[in-house]
Amino acid sequence: MNQAFLDEMQKRLLDQRKTIYDSLAGQSEDLRNLIKTVESGDEADVAADAIDRTLLTALGTQDQNRLMQINNALERIKQNKYGRCVRCGKEIPEERLEVLPYALMCVTCATAEERRNR
C-alpha cells in the first residue's frame, strides 16, 4: 500500500472522527472542552484513554462503535498494520478501504463472519 493512499485514509478517518466530536461538542460545554483536549494531542496516552471513555459514554451505541473503529484504524496506520485483514492477513483492497476506511477484514472474511453471526 503506497504512502499517498495511507495519508488519504488517515485524513478521511480523522475527518470522520472530527464529525463525531463536533456532534458531541454541540451537546455541552464540558464535552466541548474534553474534545479540545483530545484534538490537541498534548495529553499522555493514559489521560487520553480516560477522556475517550468519557466521550464514549456520551455517544450513542452506533457512534461509539464507529469512533472505536476509527481510532483502531488510526492506530493500525501508526503500527504499519493498516489495510491487512485481521482474520486472514491478506491485504484489504483499496476499493474496500475507500468505502469503509476502518474495515478490519477483507470481503471474504467479513462475509464469513456475518454468516456465522446470523
Protein backbone atom coordinates (compact mmCIF):
# COMPACT_ATOMS: atom_id res chain seq x y z
CA MET A 1 0.00 0.00 0.00
CA ASN A 2 1.52 3.30 -1.02
CA GLN A 3 2.09 6.23 1.35
CA ALA A 4 -0.21 8.62 -0.55
CA PHE A 5 -3.14 6.22 -0.09
CA LEU A 6 -2.33 5.78 3.62
CA ASP A 7 -2.16 9.56 4.05
CA GLU A 8 -5.53 9.95 2.34
CA MET A 9 -7.13 7.24 4.51
CA GLN A 10 -5.69 8.80 7.65
CA LYS A 11 -7.12 12.18 6.65
CA ARG A 12 -10.53 10.64 5.98
CA LEU A 13 -10.50 8.81 9.30
CA LEU A 14 -9.54 11.99 11.15
CA ASP A 15 -12.31 13.89 9.33
CA GLN A 16 -14.85 11.23 10.32
CA ARG A 17 -13.67 11.35 13.94
CA LYS A 18 -13.92 15.15 13.92
CA THR A 19 -17.51 14.91 12.66
CA ILE A 20 -18.40 12.71 15.62
CA TYR A 21 -16.59 15.04 18.02
CA ASP A 22 -18.30 18.09 16.52
CA SER A 23 -21.66 16.44 17.04
CA LEU A 24 -20.77 15.85 20.68
CA ALA A 25 -19.41 19.35 21.14
CA GLY A 26 -22.83 20.75 20.36
CA GLN A 27 -24.27 18.89 23.35
CA SER A 28 -22.48 20.65 26.22
CA GLU A 29 -19.57 22.87 27.22
CA ASP A 30 -17.89 20.11 29.28
CA LEU A 31 -17.82 17.78 26.28
CA ARG A 32 -16.55 20.63 24.11
CA ASN A 33 -13.58 21.10 26.49
CA LEU A 34 -12.82 17.36 26.54
CA ILE A 35 -12.86 17.25 22.75
CA LYS A 36 -10.42 20.17 22.55
CA THR A 37 -8.08 18.25 24.86
CA VAL A 38 -8.28 15.11 22.70
CA GLU A 39 -7.74 17.01 19.46
CA SER A 40 -4.76 18.92 20.83
CA GLY A 41 -2.79 15.67 21.12
CA ASP A 42 -0.88 17.07 24.12
CA GLU A 43 -2.18 14.60 26.69
CA ALA A 44 -0.46 11.38 27.72
CA ASP A 45 -1.96 8.15 26.39
CA VAL A 46 -3.36 7.21 29.81
CA ALA A 47 -5.18 10.52 30.13
CA ALA A 48 -6.38 10.29 26.54
CA ASP A 49 -7.81 6.84 27.26
CA ALA A 50 -9.75 8.24 30.23
CA ILE A 51 -11.05 11.08 28.06
CA ASP A 52 -12.01 8.61 25.32
CA ARG A 53 -14.03 6.59 27.86
CA THR A 54 -15.82 9.76 29.00
CA LEU A 55 -16.63 10.68 25.40
CA LEU A 56 -17.86 7.16 24.63
CA THR A 57 -20.37 7.31 27.47
CA ALA A 58 -21.87 10.43 25.89
CA LEU A 59 -22.24 8.81 22.48
CA GLY A 60 -24.97 6.57 21.19
CA THR A 61 -24.10 2.93 20.51
CA GLN A 62 -23.70 3.37 16.76
CA ASP A 63 -21.40 6.37 17.11
CA GLN A 64 -19.47 4.59 19.89
CA ASN A 65 -18.74 1.65 17.63
CA ARG A 66 -17.78 3.88 14.72
CA LEU A 67 -15.47 6.03 16.87
CA MET A 68 -13.75 2.94 18.28
CA GLN A 69 -13.31 1.52 14.78
CA ILE A 70 -11.88 4.83 13.55
CA ASN A 71 -9.45 5.06 16.47
CA ASN A 72 -8.41 1.43 15.94
CA ALA A 73 -7.79 2.10 12.24
CA LEU A 74 -5.67 5.16 13.08
CA GLU A 75 -3.67 3.02 15.49
CA ARG A 76 -3.17 0.36 12.80
CA ILE A 77 -1.81 3.08 10.50
CA LYS A 78 0.72 4.06 13.19
CA GLN A 79 1.72 0.40 13.61
CA ASN A 80 2.03 -0.17 9.84
CA LYS A 81 -0.72 -2.80 10.03
CA TYR A 82 -3.44 -0.83 8.24
CA GLY A 83 -5.02 -2.47 5.23
CA ARG A 84 -4.39 -6.06 6.35
CA CYS A 85 -7.27 -8.37 7.20
CA VAL A 86 -7.15 -9.19 10.91
CA ARG A 87 -8.50 -12.65 10.20
CA CYS A 88 -6.53 -14.00 7.22
CA GLY A 89 -3.72 -11.43 6.98
CA LYS A 90 -4.28 -10.69 3.30
CA GLU A 91 -4.27 -7.13 2.01
CA ILE A 92 -7.69 -5.47 2.01
CA PRO A 93 -8.36 -3.99 -1.45
CA GLU A 94 -8.04 -0.20 -1.62
CA GLU A 95 -11.54 -0.02 -3.12
CA ARG A 96 -12.97 -1.53 0.07
CA LEU A 97 -10.95 0.83 2.27
CA GLU A 98 -12.15 3.82 0.24
CA VAL A 99 -15.75 2.85 1.05
CA LEU A 100 -15.07 1.74 4.63
CA PRO A 101 -11.74 3.24 5.79
CA TYR A 102 -11.92 1.44 9.14
CA ALA A 103 -12.54 -2.03 7.65
CA LEU A 104 -10.89 -4.79 9.70
CA MET A 105 -11.42 -7.63 7.27
CA CYS A 106 -11.36 -8.39 3.58
CA VAL A 107 -14.74 -9.01 1.93
CA THR A 108 -14.36 -12.79 2.09
CA CYS A 109 -13.66 -12.87 5.82
CA ALA A 110 -16.27 -10.19 6.61
CA THR A 111 -18.91 -12.19 4.72
CA ALA A 112 -17.95 -15.38 6.56
CA GLU A 113 -18.15 -13.52 9.88
CA GLU A 114 -21.61 -12.15 9.06
CA ARG A 115 -22.86 -15.63 8.15
CA ARG A 116 -21.52 -17.05 11.39
CA ASN A 117 -23.25 -14.31 13.41
CA ARG A 118 -26.69 -14.96 11.89
